[in-house]
Amino acid sequence: MLQGCYETAFEEFNKIKDTDFQALYQLGVMYYDGLGTKENPALGMEYMNRIINSEDPRAQHLKFAAYYNLGRASFEGFGTQQSDAEAERLWLLAADDGNPKASVKAQTILGLFYSRPESQDLQKAFFWHSEACGNGSLESQGVLGLLYLTGQGIRKDAQSAWNCLKEASSRGNVYAQGHLIAYFYSRKLYYNTVNLAQRVAEYDNIPRIAEETDCLPAYIAKGIAMAAFYYARCLQLGLGTQQNQMEARKYYCKAINMDRDLATDLHFQVIMERI
């Protein structure tokens, strides 16, 4: 059903692409992601470039989004040569120094880009997540909570960390929910840990959650993995719930399936008696 809708939309956009920049932009996205047509990332990029190079006033409101998508293509090396430097340049143009009318997605992605080991600059990461959060980004609000909690790019601030994580969690940010669970556990608030972790650990439709929250699937998976691991730990030790070794094994396995590296790191912290 959904694919049929995409195909119909593709046909209609294609009819008016030469006179309607919004249609041209939508076609670019559809070619890049293979929605309603066969994937053709190079053509998708061509359409995005037509938008950013146009002097027509009707194209101006689409330029920030087009720059974001071109940056995404450069970062992924999909339809063009992979280049972190070019992705960064294009995302900076899309983000427009925090302009709320620019691409908020680009502001968030720059925050994540500067958190990577390969391009790490935690002060820049904090700046961009702050800008994006102020402009409504749910993803960045959750990350800001973690930055305040750990003192990365900013001085530690437990109250700001709590405020960001709690608000982002209530708005459906699964990554923030995972870190809020860890926050409860570290303070021995085991009933709070179990109540939230048991619910989050049952999530499984990551694409639907990503669509509803506009958060990245990889970070949603990390949040579910954290919830499953801490819930398993509580079940194993009988903290805030009845002890149940069989159920504990089930949720440890789910944590591994969701994000093996994160689950391995949490297991290491258990061995080191940090959890």
Protein backbone atom coordinates (compact mmCIF):
# COMPACT_ATOMS: atom_id res chain seq x y z
CA MET A 1 0.00 0.00 0.00
CA LEU A 2 2.70 2.49 1.05
CA GLN A 3 4.90 1.62 -1.94
CA GLY A 4 1.92 2.26 -4.23
CA CYS A 5 1.49 5.72 -2.70
CA TYR A 6 5.17 6.48 -3.28
CA GLU A 7 4.88 5.38 -6.91
CA THR A 8 1.86 7.63 -7.49
CA ALA A 9 3.63 10.57 -5.83
CA PHE A 10 6.73 9.93 -7.91
CA GLU A 11 4.72 10.09 -11.14
CA GLU A 12 3.03 13.34 -10.13
CA PHE A 13 6.26 15.02 -8.98
CA ASN A 14 8.00 13.97 -12.17
CA LYS A 15 5.37 15.77 -14.28
CA ILE A 16 6.02 19.15 -12.64
CA LYS A 17 9.67 18.96 -11.58
CA ASP A 18 10.79 21.55 -14.14
CA THR A 19 8.43 24.22 -12.79
CA ASP A 20 8.04 23.25 -9.12
CA PHE A 21 11.11 23.22 -6.88
CA GLN A 22 9.31 21.40 -4.09
CA ALA A 23 8.56 18.55 -6.51
CA LEU A 24 12.18 18.59 -7.66
CA TYR A 25 13.35 18.31 -4.05
CA GLN A 26 10.96 15.44 -3.28
CA LEU A 27 12.14 13.60 -6.38
CA GLY A 28 15.74 14.02 -5.23
CA VAL A 29 14.89 12.39 -1.89
CA MET A 30 12.95 9.60 -3.60
CA TYR A 31 15.76 8.80 -6.01
CA TYR A 32 18.30 8.79 -3.18
CA ASP A 33 16.26 6.52 -0.89
CA GLY A 34 14.57 4.43 -3.59
CA LEU A 35 11.04 5.49 -2.65
CA GLY A 36 8.55 4.79 -5.42
CA THR A 37 11.35 4.25 -7.92
CA LYS A 38 14.66 2.47 -8.32
CA GLU A 39 17.50 3.94 -6.27
CA ASN A 40 19.55 6.45 -8.25
CA PRO A 41 21.59 8.47 -5.74
CA ALA A 42 23.58 10.25 -8.44
CA LEU A 43 20.37 11.65 -9.97
CA GLY A 44 19.08 12.50 -6.50
CA MET A 45 22.24 14.53 -5.92
CA GLU A 46 21.86 16.21 -9.31
CA TYR A 47 18.40 17.43 -8.34
CA MET A 48 19.65 18.70 -4.96
CA ASN A 49 22.46 20.57 -6.70
CA ARG A 50 19.95 22.18 -9.06
CA ILE A 51 18.18 23.56 -6.02
CA ILE A 52 21.24 24.98 -4.26
CA ASN A 53 22.55 26.52 -7.50
CA SER A 54 19.25 28.13 -8.43
CA GLU A 55 18.77 31.88 -8.05
CA ASP A 56 15.00 31.53 -8.30
CA PRO A 57 13.37 32.86 -5.10
CA ARG A 58 11.04 29.85 -5.09
CA ALA A 59 14.02 27.58 -4.38
CA GLN A 60 15.43 29.53 -1.43
CA HIS A 61 13.44 27.83 1.33
CA LEU A 62 14.65 24.41 0.14
CA LYS A 63 18.37 25.14 0.05
CA PHE A 64 19.13 24.30 3.69
CA ALA A 65 17.44 20.89 3.35
CA ALA A 66 19.23 20.27 0.04
CA TYR A 67 22.61 21.06 1.61
CA TYR A 68 21.79 18.63 4.43
CA ASN A 69 20.99 15.83 1.99
CA LEU A 70 24.11 16.49 -0.08
CA GLY A 71 26.15 16.33 3.13
CA ARG A 72 24.54 13.04 3.99
CA ALA A 73 25.46 11.67 0.54
CA SER A 74 29.09 12.78 0.95
CA PHE A 75 29.31 11.27 4.43
CA GLU A 76 27.84 7.95 3.30
CA GLY A 77 29.69 7.90 -0.02
CA PHE A 78 26.41 7.09 -1.72
CA GLY A 79 26.16 8.57 -5.22
CA THR A 80 29.43 10.43 -4.78
CA GLN A 81 32.91 9.94 -3.36
CA GLN A 82 32.96 9.58 0.43
CA SER A 83 34.37 12.67 2.13
CA ASP A 84 34.04 13.66 5.78
CA ALA A 85 35.42 17.12 4.96
CA GLU A 86 32.84 17.74 2.23
CA ALA A 87 30.04 16.42 4.44
CA GLU A 88 31.11 18.80 7.21
CA ARG A 89 31.25 21.75 4.78
CA LEU A 90 27.78 21.04 3.41
CA TRP A 91 26.25 20.46 6.85
CA LEU A 92 27.69 23.75 8.11
CA LEU A 93 25.99 25.50 5.19
CA ALA A 94 22.76 23.68 5.99
CA ALA A 95 22.96 24.52 9.71
CA ASP A 96 23.60 28.23 9.03
CA ASP A 97 25.15 28.99 12.44
CA GLY A 98 22.10 27.80 14.36
CA ASN A 99 19.47 29.66 12.35
CA PRO A 100 16.09 28.18 13.47
CA LYS A 101 14.85 28.47 9.88
CA ALA A 102 17.82 26.43 8.60
CA SER A 103 18.17 22.64 8.75
CA VAL A 104 17.78 21.55 12.38
CA LYS A 105 18.70 18.04 11.23
CA ALA A 106 22.06 19.41 10.06
CA GLN A 107 22.60 21.07 13.45
CA THR A 108 21.97 17.76 15.20
CA ILE A 109 24.11 15.76 12.78
CA LEU A 110 27.01 18.19 13.31
CA GLY A 111 26.70 17.58 17.05
CA LEU A 112 26.98 13.85 16.39
CA PHE A 113 29.75 14.36 13.81
CA TYR A 114 31.91 16.24 16.33
CA SER A 115 31.33 13.48 18.92
CA ARG A 116 32.92 10.82 16.68
CA PRO A 117 36.51 9.76 17.52
CA GLU A 118 37.52 10.53 13.91
CA SER A 119 36.34 14.16 14.06
CA GLN A 120 36.00 14.77 17.78
CA ASP A 121 35.61 18.31 19.07
CA LEU A 122 33.35 18.12 22.12
CA GLN A 123 32.95 21.88 22.50
CA LYS A 124 31.62 22.04 18.94
CA ALA A 125 29.45 18.99 19.66
CA PHE A 126 27.94 20.76 22.67
CA PHE A 127 27.42 23.97 20.68
CA TRP A 128 25.57 22.28 17.85
CA HIS A 129 23.43 20.08 20.09
CA SER A 130 22.53 23.20 22.10
CA GLU A 131 21.51 25.06 18.96
CA ALA A 132 19.52 22.10 17.64
CA CYS A 133 17.83 21.50 20.99
CA GLY A 134 16.83 25.17 21.16
CA ASN A 135 15.34 24.76 17.70
CA GLY A 136 13.28 21.73 18.73
CA SER A 137 15.51 18.70 18.09
CA LEU A 138 14.45 15.79 20.29
CA GLU A 139 17.60 13.85 19.34
CA SER A 140 19.90 16.66 20.50
CA GLN A 141 17.98 17.19 23.72
CA GLY A 142 18.78 13.64 24.75
CA VAL A 143 22.45 13.94 23.82
CA LEU A 144 22.72 17.24 25.72
CA GLY A 145 21.59 15.42 28.85
CA LEU A 146 24.41 12.93 28.43
CA LEU A 147 26.99 15.69 27.78
CA TYR A 148 25.92 17.51 30.96
CA LEU A 149 25.98 14.25 32.89
CA THR A 150 29.51 13.29 31.81
CA GLY A 151 31.00 16.78 31.51
CA GLN A 152 31.92 16.38 27.83
CA GLY A 153 32.28 19.74 26.08
CA ILE A 154 30.80 21.50 29.10
CA ARG A 155 31.17 21.49 32.87
CA LYS A 156 29.24 18.68 34.61
CA ASP A 157 25.78 19.80 35.65
CA ALA A 158 23.63 17.11 37.24
CA GLN A 159 20.49 19.26 37.34
CA SER A 160 20.73 20.20 33.64
CA ALA A 161 21.47 16.56 32.81
CA TRP A 162 18.38 15.44 34.70
CA ASN A 163 16.19 18.11 33.08
CA CYS A 164 17.32 17.23 29.54
CA LEU A 165 17.10 13.47 29.99
CA LYS A 166 13.72 13.62 31.71
CA GLU A 167 12.17 15.96 29.13
CA ALA A 168 13.65 14.09 26.14
CA SER A 169 12.49 10.78 27.61
CA SER A 170 8.96 12.07 28.12
CA ARG A 171 8.94 13.17 24.45
CA GLY A 172 9.88 9.66 23.28
CA ASN A 173 13.67 9.81 22.86
CA VAL A 174 14.65 6.17 23.43
CA TYR A 175 18.38 6.94 23.73
CA ALA A 176 17.57 9.40 26.52
CA GLN A 177 15.33 6.80 28.15
CA GLY A 178 18.25 4.35 28.16
CA HIS A 179 20.52 6.87 29.89
CA LEU A 180 17.77 7.86 32.33
CA ILE A 181 17.53 4.16 33.28
CA ALA A 182 21.30 4.10 33.89
CA TYR A 183 20.94 7.30 35.93
CA PHE A 184 18.27 5.70 38.14
CA TYR A 185 20.33 2.53 38.57
CA SER A 186 23.52 4.42 39.52
CA ARG A 187 21.57 6.14 42.30
CA LYS A 188 20.08 2.84 43.51
CA LEU A 189 16.58 3.89 42.51
CA TYR A 190 15.82 0.33 41.48
CA TYR A 191 12.03 0.56 41.33
CA ASN A 192 12.34 3.55 38.98
CA THR A 193 14.92 1.60 36.97
CA VAL A 194 12.67 -1.42 36.58
CA ASN A 195 9.52 0.57 35.79
CA LEU A 196 11.13 2.38 32.87
CA ALA A 197 13.52 -0.35 31.72
CA GLN A 198 10.81 -3.03 31.54
CA ARG A 199 8.77 -0.82 29.19
CA VAL A 200 11.63 0.33 26.97
CA ALA A 201 13.12 -3.17 26.71
CA GLU A 202 9.95 -4.32 24.96
CA TYR A 203 10.34 -1.87 22.08
CA ASP A 204 11.12 -3.62 18.80
CA ASN A 205 9.77 -1.59 15.88
CA ILE A 206 12.75 0.70 15.43
CA PRO A 207 11.72 2.09 11.98
CA ARG A 208 8.34 3.17 13.36
CA ILE A 209 9.93 4.83 16.40
CA ALA A 210 12.44 6.60 14.14
CA GLU A 211 9.62 7.93 11.97
CA GLU A 212 7.59 9.12 14.96
CA THR A 213 10.47 10.80 16.82
CA ASP A 214 12.81 11.77 13.96
CA CYS A 215 15.64 10.11 15.93
CA LEU A 216 18.36 7.98 14.34
CA PRO A 217 17.67 4.21 14.33
CA ALA A 218 21.18 3.39 15.62
CA TYR A 219 20.62 5.50 18.73
CA ILE A 220 17.16 4.05 19.27
CA ALA A 221 18.77 0.59 19.24
CA LYS A 222 21.34 1.77 21.80
CA GLY A 223 18.58 3.00 24.09
CA ILE A 224 16.73 -0.32 23.88
CA ALA A 225 19.99 -2.21 24.49
CA MET A 226 20.66 -0.16 27.64
CA ALA A 227 17.12 -0.74 28.91
CA ALA A 228 17.34 -4.49 28.27
CA PHE A 229 20.74 -4.77 29.97
CA TYR A 230 19.76 -2.86 33.13
CA TYR A 231 16.44 -4.69 33.34
CA ALA A 232 18.33 -7.99 33.05
CA ARG A 233 20.72 -6.88 35.78
CA CYS A 234 17.81 -6.08 38.09
CA LEU A 235 16.18 -9.42 37.33
CA GLN A 236 19.46 -11.26 37.95
CA LEU A 237 20.03 -9.64 41.34
CA GLY A 238 16.41 -9.13 42.42
CA LEU A 239 16.73 -5.34 42.54
CA GLY A 240 13.37 -3.58 42.42
CA THR A 241 11.72 -6.74 41.13
CA GLN A 242 11.50 -10.45 41.85
CA GLN A 243 14.67 -12.37 40.99
CA ASN A 244 14.33 -14.36 37.78
CA GLN A 245 17.45 -15.81 36.16
CA MET A 246 15.67 -17.11 33.06
CA GLU A 247 14.15 -13.73 32.27
CA ALA A 248 17.50 -12.07 32.99
CA ARG A 249 19.19 -14.21 30.32
CA LYS A 250 16.43 -13.33 27.86
CA TYR A 251 17.01 -9.59 28.27
CA TYR A 252 20.80 -9.88 28.26
CA CYS A 253 20.40 -11.57 24.87
CA LYS A 254 18.13 -8.78 23.67
CA ALA A 255 20.71 -6.19 24.69
CA ILE A 256 23.35 -8.02 22.64
CA ASN A 257 21.03 -8.30 19.65
CA MET A 258 20.24 -4.59 19.75
CA ASP A 259 23.83 -3.33 20.10
CA ARG A 260 26.58 -5.87 20.72
CA ASP A 261 29.32 -3.29 21.34
CA LEU A 262 27.28 -1.38 23.91
CA ALA A 263 26.22 -4.59 25.67
CA THR A 264 29.85 -5.74 25.76
CA ASP A 265 30.91 -2.44 27.31
CA LEU A 266 28.19 -2.67 29.95
CA HIS A 267 29.23 -6.26 30.73
CA PHE A 268 32.81 -5.03 31.18
CA GLN A 269 31.53 -2.42 33.64
CA VAL A 270 29.81 -5.19 35.60
CA ILE A 271 33.11 -7.12 35.75
CA MET A 272 34.84 -3.95 36.99
CA GLU A 273 32.08 -3.58 39.60
CA ARG A 274 30.96 -0.21 38.22
CA ILE A 275 27.42 -1.51 37.71
